[in-house]
Amino acid sequence: MKPRSAKAKGRNFQNKVRQMIIDALDINELDIKTAVMGESGMDIKLSSAARDKFGYAVECKKVEKINIWKCYEQATENSEDLEPLLIFSRNNSKVLVCFEFKHLLDLVNQSNGFRRLTK
């Protein structure tokens, strides 16, 4: 894949993730932006209002093969005061996430437990 195509693929994925967050959490579109390709820091830029609803430092990866450890480390390095969150996918696949297991347990505890979800 040419570098230009890879960057476009990544940019489109960032935009998709941004829109999914806006739709799910009713965040104002002006409060959430995507990073310019090659820009350092988080891939999804959040205003303080958006951080109140979604306290995650997002690193997006749209690749066929992924080194989870390296990508999660990148998310952690750019996380500032937010919880690092790696969001990734490959062609014709679901969007998946990676974050610390302890954080999942905290979420379950805060929500008084997850009920079994059906597919």
PDB file of N, CA and C in Angstrom:
ATOM      1  N   MET A   1       0.848  -1.178   0.000  1.00  0.00           N
ATOM      2  CA  MET A   1       0.000   0.000   0.000  1.00  0.00           C
ATOM      3  C   MET A   1       0.894   1.242   0.000  1.00  0.00           C
ATOM      4  N   LYS A   2       0.537   2.192  -0.821  1.00  0.00           N
ATOM      5  CA  LYS A   2       1.286   3.436  -0.900  1.00  0.00           C
ATOM      6  C   LYS A   2       1.071   4.256   0.364  1.00  0.00           C
ATOM      7  N   PRO A   3       2.066   5.046   0.771  1.00  0.00           N
ATOM      8  CA  PRO A   3       1.921   5.875   1.982  1.00  0.00           C
ATOM      9  C   PRO A   3       0.690   6.787   1.945  1.00  0.00           C
ATOM     10  N   ARG A   4       0.402   7.336   0.788  1.00  0.00           N
ATOM     11  CA  ARG A   4      -0.767   8.224   0.656  1.00  0.00           C
ATOM     12  C   ARG A   4      -2.060   7.461   0.943  1.00  0.00           C
ATOM     13  N   SER A   5      -2.164   6.234   0.419  1.00  0.00           N
ATOM     14  CA  SER A   5      -3.350   5.413   0.651  1.00  0.00           C
ATOM     15  C   SER A   5      -3.462   5.000   2.113  1.00  0.00           C
ATOM     16  N   ALA A   6      -2.331   4.666   2.727  1.00  0.00           N
ATOM     17  CA  ALA A   6      -2.322   4.270   4.137  1.00  0.00           C
ATOM     18  C   ALA A   6      -2.775   5.427   5.029  1.00  0.00           C
ATOM     19  N   LYS A   7      -2.311   6.636   4.712  1.00  0.00           N
ATOM     20  CA  LYS A   7      -2.722   7.807   5.497  1.00  0.00           C
ATOM     21  C   LYS A   7      -4.210   8.091   5.320  1.00  0.00           C
ATOM     22  N   ALA A   8      -4.710   7.936   4.103  1.00  0.00           N
ATOM     23  CA  ALA A   8      -6.136   8.148   3.861  1.00  0.00           C
ATOM     24  C   ALA A   8      -6.965   7.113   4.614  1.00  0.00           C
ATOM     25  N   LYS A   9      -6.508   5.874   4.633  1.00  0.00           N
ATOM     26  CA  LYS A   9      -7.189   4.817   5.366  1.00  0.00           C
ATOM     27  C   LYS A   9      -7.238   5.149   6.858  1.00  0.00           C
ATOM     28  N   GLY A  10      -6.122   5.608   7.404  1.00  0.00           N
ATOM     29  CA  GLY A  10      -6.058   5.993   8.809  1.00  0.00           C
ATOM     30  C   GLY A  10      -6.934   7.192   9.117  1.00  0.00           C
ATOM     31  N   ARG A  11      -6.916   8.178   8.244  1.00  0.00           N
ATOM     32  CA  ARG A  11      -7.731   9.383   8.430  1.00  0.00           C
ATOM     33  C   ARG A  11      -9.221   9.037   8.402  1.00  0.00           C
ATOM     34  N   ASN A  12      -9.629   8.190   7.464  1.00  0.00           N
ATOM     35  CA  ASN A  12     -11.031   7.769   7.375  1.00  0.00           C
ATOM     36  C   ASN A  12     -11.457   7.012   8.634  1.00  0.00           C
ATOM     37  N   PHE A  13     -10.550   6.185   9.157  1.00  0.00           N
ATOM     38  CA  PHE A  13     -10.867   5.444  10.371  1.00  0.00           C
ATOM     39  C   PHE A  13     -11.007   6.387  11.564  1.00  0.00           C
ATOM     40  N   GLN A  14     -10.124   7.366  11.677  1.00  0.00           N
ATOM     41  CA  GLN A  14     -10.238   8.361  12.751  1.00  0.00           C
ATOM     42  C   GLN A  14     -11.588   9.077  12.674  1.00  0.00           C
ATOM     43  N   ASN A  15     -11.982   9.455  11.474  1.00  0.00           N
ATOM     44  CA  ASN A  15     -13.273  10.135  11.292  1.00  0.00           C
ATOM     45  C   ASN A  15     -14.440   9.230  11.681  1.00  0.00           C
ATOM     46  N   LYS A  16     -14.338   7.945  11.349  1.00  0.00           N
ATOM     47  CA  LYS A  16     -15.381   6.988  11.716  1.00  0.00           C
ATOM     48  C   LYS A  16     -15.475   6.864  13.237  1.00  0.00           C
ATOM     49  N   VAL A  17     -14.340   6.743  13.911  1.00  0.00           N
ATOM     50  CA  VAL A  17     -14.314   6.636  15.371  1.00  0.00           C
ATOM     51  C   VAL A  17     -14.895   7.899  15.991  1.00  0.00           C
ATOM     52  N   ARG A  18     -14.495   9.043  15.479  1.00  0.00           N
ATOM     53  CA  ARG A  18     -15.021  10.324  15.972  1.00  0.00           C
ATOM     54  C   ARG A  18     -16.542  10.347  15.889  1.00  0.00           C
ATOM     55  N   GLN A  19     -17.067   9.962  14.735  1.00  0.00           N
ATOM     56  CA  GLN A  19     -18.517   9.992  14.539  1.00  0.00           C
ATOM     57  C   GLN A  19     -19.222   8.991  15.444  1.00  0.00           C
ATOM     58  N   MET A  20     -18.632   7.826  15.657  1.00  0.00           N
ATOM     59  CA  MET A  20     -19.221   6.825  16.556  1.00  0.00           C
ATOM     60  C   MET A  20     -19.320   7.379  17.981  1.00  0.00           C
ATOM     61  N   ILE A  21     -18.289   8.094  18.422  1.00  0.00           N
ATOM     62  CA  ILE A  21     -18.290   8.688  19.768  1.00  0.00           C
ATOM     63  C   ILE A  21     -19.364   9.768  19.856  1.00  0.00           C
ATOM     64  N   ILE A  22     -19.429  10.636  18.851  1.00  0.00           N
ATOM     65  CA  ILE A  22     -20.432  11.707  18.827  1.00  0.00           C
ATOM     66  C   ILE A  22     -21.841  11.123  18.888  1.00  0.00           C
ATOM     67  N   ASP A  23     -22.100  10.115  18.070  1.00  0.00           N
ATOM     68  CA  ASP A  23     -23.435   9.520  18.001  1.00  0.00           C
ATOM     69  C   ASP A  23     -23.820   8.807  19.300  1.00  0.00           C
ATOM     70  N   ALA A  24     -22.886   8.088  19.878  1.00  0.00           N
ATOM     71  CA  ALA A  24     -23.194   7.292  21.071  1.00  0.00           C
ATOM     72  C   ALA A  24     -23.336   8.143  22.327  1.00  0.00           C
ATOM     73  N   LEU A  25     -22.565   9.222  22.423  1.00  0.00           N
ATOM     74  CA  LEU A  25     -22.516   9.994  23.662  1.00  0.00           C
ATOM     75  C   LEU A  25     -23.125  11.381  23.546  1.00  0.00           C
ATOM     76  N   ASP A  26     -23.694  11.697  22.391  1.00  0.00           N
ATOM     77  CA  ASP A  26     -24.323  12.995  22.175  1.00  0.00           C
ATOM     78  C   ASP A  26     -23.372  14.145  22.510  1.00  0.00           C
ATOM     79  N   ILE A  27     -22.173  14.054  21.954  1.00  0.00           N
ATOM     80  CA  ILE A  27     -21.169  15.106  22.129  1.00  0.00           C
ATOM     81  C   ILE A  27     -21.286  16.073  20.958  1.00  0.00           C
ATOM     82  N   ASN A  28     -21.212  17.345  21.250  1.00  0.00           N
ATOM     83  CA  ASN A  28     -21.265  18.367  20.212  1.00  0.00           C
ATOM     84  C   ASN A  28     -20.092  18.171  19.249  1.00  0.00           C
ATOM     85  N   GLU A  29     -20.368  18.240  17.965  1.00  0.00           N
ATOM     86  CA  GLU A  29     -19.330  18.031  16.947  1.00  0.00           C
ATOM     87  C   GLU A  29     -18.163  19.002  17.081  1.00  0.00           C
ATOM     88  N   LEU A  30     -18.417  20.188  17.617  1.00  0.00           N
ATOM     89  CA  LEU A  30     -17.353  21.176  17.781  1.00  0.00           C
ATOM     90  C   LEU A  30     -16.406  20.824  18.930  1.00  0.00           C
ATOM     91  N   ASP A  31     -16.808  19.891  19.793  1.00  0.00           N
ATOM     92  CA  ASP A  31     -16.010  19.524  20.957  1.00  0.00           C
ATOM     93  C   ASP A  31     -15.090  18.334  20.727  1.00  0.00           C
ATOM     94  N   ILE A  32     -15.109  17.786  19.520  1.00  0.00           N
ATOM     95  CA  ILE A  32     -14.280  16.620  19.232  1.00  0.00           C
ATOM     96  C   ILE A  32     -13.734  16.719  17.806  1.00  0.00           C
ATOM     97  N   LYS A  33     -12.434  16.660  17.697  1.00  0.00           N
ATOM     98  CA  LYS A  33     -11.744  16.788  16.404  1.00  0.00           C
ATOM     99  C   LYS A  33     -10.808  15.607  16.215  1.00  0.00           C
ATOM    100  N   THR A  34     -10.416  15.374  14.968  1.00  0.00           N
ATOM    101  CA  THR A  34      -9.396  14.364  14.704  1.00  0.00           C
ATOM    102  C   THR A  34      -8.072  15.069  14.455  1.00  0.00           C
ATOM    103  N   ALA A  35      -7.006  14.377  14.799  1.00  0.00           N
ATOM    104  CA  ALA A  35      -5.673  14.920  14.581  1.00  0.00           C
ATOM    105  C   ALA A  35      -5.345  14.888  13.090  1.00  0.00           C
ATOM    106  N   VAL A  36      -4.500  15.806  12.683  1.00  0.00           N
ATOM    107  CA  VAL A  36      -3.979  15.801  11.323  1.00  0.00           C
ATOM    108  C   VAL A  36      -2.987  14.647  11.235  1.00  0.00           C
ATOM    109  N   MET A  37      -2.989  13.926  10.130  1.00  0.00           N
ATOM    110  CA  MET A  37      -2.087  12.781   9.988  1.00  0.00           C
ATOM    111  C   MET A  37      -0.642  13.222  10.192  1.00  0.00           C
ATOM    112  N   GLY A  38       0.067  12.493  11.040  1.00  0.00           N
ATOM    113  CA  GLY A  38       1.453  12.817  11.339  1.00  0.00           C
ATOM    114  C   GLY A  38       1.620  13.718  12.544  1.00  0.00           C
ATOM    115  N   GLU A  39       0.518  14.279  13.031  1.00  0.00           N
ATOM    116  CA  GLU A  39       0.558  15.146  14.210  1.00  0.00           C
ATOM    117  C   GLU A  39       0.787  14.286  15.452  1.00  0.00           C
ATOM    118  N   SER A  40       1.628  14.761  16.363  1.00  0.00           N
ATOM    119  CA  SER A  40       1.872  13.992  17.581  1.00  0.00           C
ATOM    120  C   SER A  40       0.726  14.197  18.560  1.00  0.00           C
ATOM    121  N   GLY A  41       0.590  13.274  19.493  1.00  0.00           N
ATOM    122  CA  GLY A  41      -0.463  13.359  20.492  1.00  0.00           C
ATOM    123  C   GLY A  41      -1.624  12.443  20.164  1.00  0.00           C
ATOM    124  N   MET A  42      -2.730  12.691  20.829  1.00  0.00           N
ATOM    125  CA  MET A  42      -3.919  11.856  20.666  1.00  0.00           C
ATOM    126  C   MET A  42      -4.494  11.977  19.257  1.00  0.00           C
ATOM    127  N   ASP A  43      -5.092  10.905  18.792  1.00  0.00           N
ATOM    128  CA  ASP A  43      -5.723  10.921  17.468  1.00  0.00           C
ATOM    129  C   ASP A  43      -7.087  11.601  17.492  1.00  0.00           C
ATOM    130  N   ILE A  44      -7.746  11.560  18.635  1.00  0.00           N
ATOM    131  CA  ILE A  44      -9.030  12.221  18.807  1.00  0.00           C
ATOM    132  C   ILE A  44      -8.839  13.328  19.836  1.00  0.00           C
ATOM    133  N   LYS A  45      -8.998  14.565  19.408  1.00  0.00           N
ATOM    134  CA  LYS A  45      -8.799  15.741  20.276  1.00  0.00           C
ATOM    135  C   LYS A  45     -10.130  16.111  20.919  1.00  0.00           C
ATOM    136  N   LEU A  46     -10.126  16.209  22.247  1.00  0.00           N
ATOM    137  CA  LEU A  46     -11.354  16.462  23.001  1.00  0.00           C
ATOM    138  C   LEU A  46     -11.292  17.793  23.734  1.00  0.00           C
ATOM    139  N   SER A  47     -12.392  18.539  23.685  1.00  0.00           N
ATOM    140  CA  SER A  47     -12.512  19.742  24.505  1.00  0.00           C
ATOM    141  C   SER A  47     -12.752  19.296  25.948  1.00  0.00           C
ATOM    142  N   SER A  48     -12.726  20.224  26.883  1.00  0.00           N
ATOM    143  CA  SER A  48     -12.974  19.859  28.278  1.00  0.00           C
ATOM    144  C   SER A  48     -14.402  19.323  28.446  1.00  0.00           C
ATOM    145  N   ALA A  49     -15.356  19.852  27.709  1.00  0.00           N
ATOM    146  CA  ALA A  49     -16.735  19.347  27.776  1.00  0.00           C
ATOM    147  C   ALA A  49     -16.809  17.904  27.279  1.00  0.00           C
ATOM    148  N   ALA A  50     -16.088  17.600  26.208  1.00  0.00           N
ATOM    149  CA  ALA A  50     -16.074  16.235  25.685  1.00  0.00           C
ATOM    150  C   ALA A  50     -15.342  15.292  26.635  1.00  0.00           C
ATOM    151  N   ARG A  51     -14.286  15.780  27.280  1.00  0.00           N
ATOM    152  CA  ARG A  51     -13.553  14.959  28.250  1.00  0.00           C
ATOM    153  C   ARG A  51     -14.427  14.571  29.433  1.00  0.00           C
ATOM    154  N   ASP A  52     -15.375  15.418  29.783  1.00  0.00           N
ATOM    155  CA  ASP A  52     -16.287  15.088  30.876  1.00  0.00           C
ATOM    156  C   ASP A  52     -17.177  13.898  30.523  1.00  0.00           C
ATOM    157  N   LYS A  53     -17.487  13.732  29.243  1.00  0.00           N
ATOM    158  CA  LYS A  53     -18.339  12.624  28.807  1.00  0.00           C
ATOM    159  C   LYS A  53     -17.530  11.411  28.362  1.00  0.00           C
ATOM    160  N   PHE A  54     -16.322  11.643  27.866  1.00  0.00           N
ATOM    161  CA  PHE A  54     -15.498  10.571  27.300  1.00  0.00           C
ATOM    162  C   PHE A  54     -14.046  10.812  27.709  1.00  0.00           C
ATOM    163  N   GLY A  55     -13.642  10.255  28.820  1.00  0.00           N
ATOM    164  CA  GLY A  55     -12.324  10.531  29.384  1.00  0.00           C
ATOM    165  C   GLY A  55     -11.230   9.599  28.899  1.00  0.00           C
ATOM    166  N   TYR A  56     -11.092   9.471  27.594  1.00  0.00           N
ATOM    167  CA  TYR A  56     -10.114   8.554  27.023  1.00  0.00           C
ATOM    168  C   TYR A  56      -9.182   9.262  26.051  1.00  0.00           C
ATOM    169  N   ALA A  57      -7.930   8.838  26.087  1.00  0.00           N
ATOM    170  CA  ALA A  57      -6.934   9.287  25.119  1.00  0.00           C
ATOM    171  C   ALA A  57      -6.893   8.225  24.021  1.00  0.00           C
ATOM    172  N   VAL A  58      -7.435   8.542  22.881  1.00  0.00           N
ATOM    173  CA  VAL A  58      -7.635   7.558  21.813  1.00  0.00           C
ATOM    174  C   VAL A  58      -6.457   7.521  20.857  1.00  0.00           C
ATOM    175  N   GLU A  59      -6.002   6.309  20.594  1.00  0.00           N
ATOM    176  CA  GLU A  59      -5.040   6.021  19.529  1.00  0.00           C
ATOM    177  C   GLU A  59      -5.771   5.118  18.552  1.00  0.00           C
ATOM    178  N   CYS A  60      -5.900   5.541  17.291  1.00  0.00           N
ATOM    179  CA  CYS A  60      -6.606   4.774  16.263  1.00  0.00           C
ATOM    180  C   CYS A  60      -5.601   4.074  15.349  1.00  0.00           C
ATOM    181  N   LYS A  61      -5.891   2.820  15.038  1.00  0.00           N
ATOM    182  CA  LYS A  61      -5.062   2.055  14.102  1.00  0.00           C
ATOM    183  C   LYS A  61      -5.965   1.268  13.174  1.00  0.00           C
ATOM    184  N   LYS A  62      -5.789   1.478  11.891  1.00  0.00           N
ATOM    185  CA  LYS A  62      -6.520   0.714  10.870  1.00  0.00           C
ATOM    186  C   LYS A  62      -5.460   0.012  10.032  1.00  0.00           C
ATOM    187  N   VAL A  63      -5.074  -1.181  10.477  1.00  0.00           N
ATOM    188  CA  VAL A  63      -3.992  -1.932   9.830  1.00  0.00           C
ATOM    189  C   VAL A  63      -4.356  -3.413   9.798  1.00  0.00           C
ATOM    190  N   GLU A  64      -3.742  -4.140   8.883  1.00  0.00           N
ATOM    191  CA  GLU A  64      -4.008  -5.575   8.767  1.00  0.00           C
ATOM    192  C   GLU A  64      -3.280  -6.376   9.847  1.00  0.00           C
ATOM    193  N   LYS A  65      -2.109  -5.918  10.248  1.00  0.00           N
ATOM    194  CA  LYS A  65      -1.349  -6.564  11.323  1.00  0.00           C
ATOM    195  C   LYS A  65      -1.000  -5.491  12.336  1.00  0.00           C
ATOM    196  N   ILE A  66      -1.150  -5.832  13.620  1.00  0.00           N
ATOM    197  CA  ILE A  66      -0.938  -4.825  14.655  1.00  0.00           C
ATOM    198  C   ILE A  66      -0.077  -5.396  15.776  1.00  0.00           C
ATOM    199  N   ASN A  67       0.834  -4.571  16.251  1.00  0.00           N
ATOM    200  CA  ASN A  67       1.609  -4.888  17.445  1.00  0.00           C
ATOM    201  C   ASN A  67       0.892  -4.178  18.606  1.00  0.00           C
ATOM    202  N   ILE A  68       0.046  -4.925  19.286  1.00  0.00           N
ATOM    203  CA  ILE A  68      -0.781  -4.359  20.355  1.00  0.00           C
ATOM    204  C   ILE A  68       0.076  -3.630  21.383  1.00  0.00           C
ATOM    205  N   TRP A  69       1.176  -4.236  21.791  1.00  0.00           N
ATOM    206  CA  TRP A  69       2.016  -3.655  22.851  1.00  0.00           C
ATOM    207  C   TRP A  69       2.575  -2.303  22.439  1.00  0.00           C
ATOM    208  N   LYS A  70       3.090  -2.229  21.245  1.00  0.00           N
ATOM    209  CA  LYS A  70       3.672  -0.980  20.754  1.00  0.00           C
ATOM    210  C   LYS A  70       2.586   0.099  20.590  1.00  0.00           C
ATOM    211  N   CYS A  71       1.447  -0.283  20.068  1.00  0.00           N
ATOM    212  CA  CYS A  71       0.366   0.681  19.847  1.00  0.00           C
ATOM    213  C   CYS A  71      -0.237   1.153  21.166  1.00  0.00           C
ATOM    214  N   TYR A  72      -0.382   0.239  22.128  1.00  0.00           N
ATOM    215  CA  TYR A  72      -0.911   0.639  23.434  1.00  0.00           C
ATOM    216  C   TYR A  72       0.082   1.539  24.160  1.00  0.00           C
ATOM    217  N   GLU A  73       1.360   1.252  23.995  1.00  0.00           N
ATOM    218  CA  GLU A  73       2.396   2.122  24.573  1.00  0.00           C
ATOM    219  C   GLU A  73       2.288   3.531  24.000  1.00  0.00           C
ATOM    220  N   GLN A  74       2.047   3.633  22.702  1.00  0.00           N
ATOM    221  CA  GLN A  74       1.866   4.938  22.067  1.00  0.00           C
ATOM    222  C   GLN A  74       0.653   5.659  22.647  1.00  0.00           C
ATOM    223  N   ALA A  75      -0.444   4.938  22.847  1.00  0.00           N
ATOM    224  CA  ALA A  75      -1.643   5.530  23.444  1.00  0.00           C
ATOM    225  C   ALA A  75      -1.332   6.020  24.857  1.00  0.00           C
ATOM    226  N   THR A  76      -0.573   5.239  25.610  1.00  0.00           N
ATOM    227  CA  THR A  76      -0.216   5.599  26.984  1.00  0.00           C
ATOM    228  C   THR A  76       0.676   6.839  27.024  1.00  0.00           C
ATOM    229  N   GLU A  77       1.645   6.905  26.126  1.00  0.00           N
ATOM    230  CA  GLU A  77       2.557   8.056  26.082  1.00  0.00           C
ATOM    231  C   GLU A  77       1.823   9.352  25.771  1.00  0.00           C
ATOM    232  N   ASN A  78       0.746   9.268  25.009  1.00  0.00           N
ATOM    233  CA  ASN A  78      -0.006  10.458  24.594  1.00  0.00           C
ATOM    234  C   ASN A  78      -1.240  10.714  25.451  1.00  0.00           C
ATOM    235  N   SER A  79      -1.396   9.987  26.555  1.00  0.00           N
ATOM    236  CA  SER A  79      -2.664  10.019  27.279  1.00  0.00           C
ATOM    237  C   SER A  79      -2.890  11.222  28.182  1.00  0.00           C
ATOM    238  N   GLU A  80      -1.858  11.977  28.495  1.00  0.00           N
ATOM    239  CA  GLU A  80      -1.987  13.123  29.395  1.00  0.00           C
ATOM    240  C   GLU A  80      -2.676  12.671  30.679  1.00  0.00           C
ATOM    241  N   ASP A  81      -3.817  13.245  31.024  1.00  0.00           N
ATOM    242  CA  ASP A  81      -4.532  12.882  32.257  1.00  0.00           C
ATOM    243  C   ASP A  81      -5.718  11.952  31.989  1.00  0.00           C
ATOM    244  N   LEU A  82      -5.779  11.378  30.785  1.00  0.00           N
ATOM    245  CA  LEU A  82      -6.898  10.526  30.392  1.00  0.00           C
ATOM    246  C   LEU A  82      -6.492   9.052  30.391  1.00  0.00           C
ATOM    247  N   GLU A  83      -7.479   8.198  30.376  1.00  0.00           N
ATOM    248  CA  GLU A  83      -7.247   6.756  30.292  1.00  0.00           C
ATOM    249  C   GLU A  83      -6.854   6.405  28.854  1.00  0.00           C
ATOM    250  N   PRO A  84      -5.700   5.736  28.653  1.00  0.00           N
ATOM    251  CA  PRO A  84      -5.305   5.365  27.291  1.00  0.00           C
ATOM    252  C   PRO A  84      -6.243   4.313  26.703  1.00  0.00           C
ATOM    253  N   LEU A  85      -6.598   4.504  25.438  1.00  0.00           N
ATOM    254  CA  LEU A  85      -7.522   3.606  24.755  1.00  0.00           C
ATOM    255  C   LEU A  85      -7.048   3.411  23.319  1.00  0.00           C
ATOM    256  N   LEU A  86      -6.745   2.179  22.976  1.00  0.00           N
ATOM    257  CA  LEU A  86      -6.373   1.822  21.611  1.00  0.00           C
ATOM    258  C   LEU A  86      -7.623   1.311  20.908  1.00  0.00           C
ATOM    259  N   ILE A  87      -7.968   1.936  19.796  1.00  0.00           N
ATOM    260  CA  ILE A  87      -9.106   1.502  18.981  1.00  0.00           C
ATOM    261  C   ILE A  87      -8.535   1.063  17.644  1.00  0.00           C
ATOM    262  N   PHE A  88      -8.845  -0.175  17.248  1.00  0.00           N
ATOM    263  CA  PHE A  88      -8.226  -0.692  16.031  1.00  0.00           C
ATOM    264  C   PHE A  88      -9.184  -1.555  15.238  1.00  0.00           C
ATOM    265  N   SER A  89      -8.838  -1.694  13.973  1.00  0.00           N
ATOM    266  CA  SER A  89      -9.626  -2.524  13.067  1.00  0.00           C
ATOM    267  C   SER A  89      -8.758  -2.877  11.867  1.00  0.00           C
ATOM    268  N   ARG A  90      -9.237  -3.807  11.101  1.00  0.00           N
ATOM    269  CA  ARG A  90      -8.619  -4.105   9.804  1.00  0.00           C
ATOM    270  C   ARG A  90      -9.739  -4.181   8.791  1.00  0.00           C
ATOM    271  N   ASN A  91      -9.401  -4.347   7.547  1.00  0.00           N
ATOM    272  CA  ASN A  91     -10.426  -4.383   6.497  1.00  0.00           C
ATOM    273  C   ASN A  91     -11.462  -5.462   6.778  1.00  0.00           C
ATOM    274  N   ASN A  92     -12.716  -5.114   6.582  1.00  0.00           N
ATOM    275  CA  ASN A  92     -13.843  -6.040   6.709  1.00  0.00           C
ATOM    276  C   ASN A  92     -13.927  -6.702   8.083  1.00  0.00           C
ATOM    277  N   SER A  93     -13.564  -5.960   9.121  1.00  0.00           N
ATOM    278  CA  SER A  93     -13.602  -6.485  10.483  1.00  0.00           C
ATOM    279  C   SER A  93     -14.269  -5.487  11.415  1.00  0.00           C
ATOM    280  N   LYS A  94     -14.633  -5.970  12.586  1.00  0.00           N
ATOM    281  CA  LYS A  94     -15.228  -5.125  13.605  1.00  0.00           C
ATOM    282  C   LYS A  94     -14.181  -4.166  14.174  1.00  0.00           C
ATOM    283  N   VAL A  95     -14.671  -3.120  14.785  1.00  0.00           N
ATOM    284  CA  VAL A  95     -13.811  -2.176  15.495  1.00  0.00           C
ATOM    285  C   VAL A  95     -13.637  -2.724  16.916  1.00  0.00           C
ATOM    286  N   LEU A  96     -12.384  -2.868  17.338  1.00  0.00           N
ATOM    287  CA  LEU A  96     -12.063  -3.416  18.653  1.00  0.00           C
ATOM    288  C   LEU A  96     -11.317  -2.391  19.490  1.00  0.00           C
ATOM    289  N   VAL A  97     -11.260  -2.632  20.801  1.00  0.00           N
ATOM    290  CA  VAL A  97     -10.539  -1.733  21.697  1.00  0.00           C
ATOM    291  C   VAL A  97      -9.604  -2.521  22.594  1.00  0.00           C
ATOM    292  N   CYS A  98      -8.610  -1.824  23.102  1.00  0.00           N
ATOM    293  CA  CYS A  98      -7.668  -2.384  24.056  1.00  0.00           C
ATOM    294  C   CYS A  98      -7.435  -1.337  25.139  1.00  0.00           C
ATOM    295  N   PHE A  99      -7.659  -1.735  26.385  1.00  0.00           N
ATOM    296  CA  PHE A  99      -7.314  -0.898  27.525  1.00  0.00           C
ATOM    297  C   PHE A  99      -7.023  -1.808  28.706  1.00  0.00           C
ATOM    298  N   GLU A 100      -6.560  -1.222  29.778  1.00  0.00           N
ATOM    299  CA  GLU A 100      -6.131  -2.001  30.926  1.00  0.00           C
ATOM    300  C   GLU A 100      -7.307  -2.752  31.554  1.00  0.00           C
ATOM    301  N   PHE A 101      -7.093  -4.030  31.891  1.00  0.00           N
ATOM    302  CA  PHE A 101      -8.133  -4.879  32.460  1.00  0.00           C
ATOM    303  C   PHE A 101      -8.691  -4.290  33.749  1.00  0.00           C
ATOM    304  N   LYS A 102      -7.835  -3.703  34.567  1.00  0.00           N
ATOM    305  CA  LYS A 102      -8.287  -3.080  35.809  1.00  0.00           C
ATOM    306  C   LYS A 102      -9.341  -2.008  35.516  1.00  0.00           C
ATOM    307  N   HIS A 103      -9.168  -1.285  34.431  1.00  0.00           N
ATOM    308  CA  HIS A 103     -10.147  -0.257  34.059  1.00  0.00           C
ATOM    309  C   HIS A 103     -11.505  -0.899  33.727  1.00  0.00           C
ATOM    310  N   LEU A 104     -11.491  -2.032  33.050  1.00  0.00           N
ATOM    311  CA  LEU A 104     -12.738  -2.738  32.766  1.00  0.00           C
ATOM    312  C   LEU A 104     -13.432  -3.124  34.072  1.00  0.00           C
ATOM    313  N   LEU A 105     -12.673  -3.634  35.022  1.00  0.00           N
ATOM    314  CA  LEU A 105     -13.266  -4.010  36.309  1.00  0.00           C
ATOM    315  C   LEU A 105     -13.853  -2.791  37.012  1.00  0.00           C
ATOM    316  N   ASP A 106     -13.173  -1.648  36.920  1.00  0.00           N
ATOM    317  CA  ASP A 106     -13.711  -0.413  37.497  1.00  0.00           C
ATOM    318  C   ASP A 106     -15.028  -0.026  36.825  1.00  0.00           C
ATOM    319  N   LEU A 107     -15.098  -0.161  35.509  1.00  0.00           N
ATOM    320  CA  LEU A 107     -16.335   0.155  34.779  1.00  0.00           C
ATOM    321  C   LEU A 107     -17.478  -0.766  35.203  1.00  0.00           C
ATOM    322  N   VAL A 108     -17.172  -2.055  35.323  1.00  0.00           N
ATOM    323  CA  VAL A 108     -18.187  -3.015  35.749  1.00  0.00           C
ATOM    324  C   VAL A 108     -18.669  -2.669  37.152  1.00  0.00           C
ATOM    325  N   ASN A 109     -17.748  -2.352  38.034  1.00  0.00           N
ATOM    326  CA  ASN A 109     -18.093  -2.004  39.404  1.00  0.00           C
ATOM    327  C   ASN A 109     -18.965  -0.741  39.457  1.00  0.00           C
ATOM    328  N   GLN A 110     -18.619   0.265  38.674  1.00  0.00           N
ATOM    329  CA  GLN A 110     -19.378   1.520  38.646  1.00  0.00           C
ATOM    330  C   GLN A 110     -20.787   1.328  38.095  1.00  0.00           C
ATOM    331  N   SER A 111     -20.938   0.388  37.181  1.00  0.00           N
ATOM    332  CA  SER A 111     -22.253   0.173  36.564  1.00  0.00           C
ATOM    333  C   SER A 111     -23.067  -0.871  37.318  1.00  0.00           C
ATOM    334  N   ASN A 112     -22.561  -1.310  38.475  1.00  0.00           N
ATOM    335  CA  ASN A 112     -23.217  -2.360  39.270  1.00  0.00           C
ATOM    336  C   ASN A 112     -23.299  -3.679  38.505  1.00  0.00           C
ATOM    337  N   GLY A 113     -22.295  -3.949  37.706  1.00  0.00           N
ATOM    338  CA  GLY A 113     -22.218  -5.215  36.982  1.00  0.00           C
ATOM    339  C   GLY A 113     -22.847  -5.141  35.600  1.00  0.00           C
ATOM    340  N   PHE A 114     -22.286  -5.901  34.682  1.00  0.00           N
ATOM    341  CA  PHE A 114     -22.855  -5.991  33.346  1.00  0.00           C
ATOM    342  C   PHE A 114     -23.825  -7.151  33.301  1.00  0.00           C
ATOM    343  N   ARG A 115     -24.926  -6.937  32.666  1.00  0.00           N
ATOM    344  CA  ARG A 115     -25.827  -8.045  32.418  1.00  0.00           C
ATOM    345  C   ARG A 115     -25.354  -8.744  31.150  1.00  0.00           C
ATOM    346  N   ARG A 116     -25.711  -9.979  31.013  1.00  0.00           N
ATOM    347  CA  ARG A 116     -25.310 -10.707  29.823  1.00  0.00           C
ATOM    348  C   ARG A 116     -25.918 -10.032  28.601  1.00  0.00           C
ATOM    349  N   LEU A 117     -25.073  -9.744  27.635  1.00  0.00           N
ATOM    350  CA  LEU A 117     -25.533  -9.116  26.395  1.00  0.00           C
ATOM    351  C   LEU A 117     -25.724 -10.189  25.341  1.00  0.00           C
ATOM    352  N   THR A 118     -26.790 -10.110  24.589  1.00  0.00           N
ATOM    353  CA  THR A 118     -26.993 -11.056  23.501  1.00  0.00           C
ATOM    354  C   THR A 118     -26.489 -10.436  22.219  1.00  0.00           C
ATOM    355  N   LYS A 119     -26.103 -11.267  21.304  1.00  0.00           N
ATOM    356  CA  LYS A 119     -25.570 -10.775  20.029  1.00  0.00           C
ATOM    357  C   LYS A 119     -26.671 -10.352  19.119  1.00  0.00           C
TER     358      LYS A 119
END
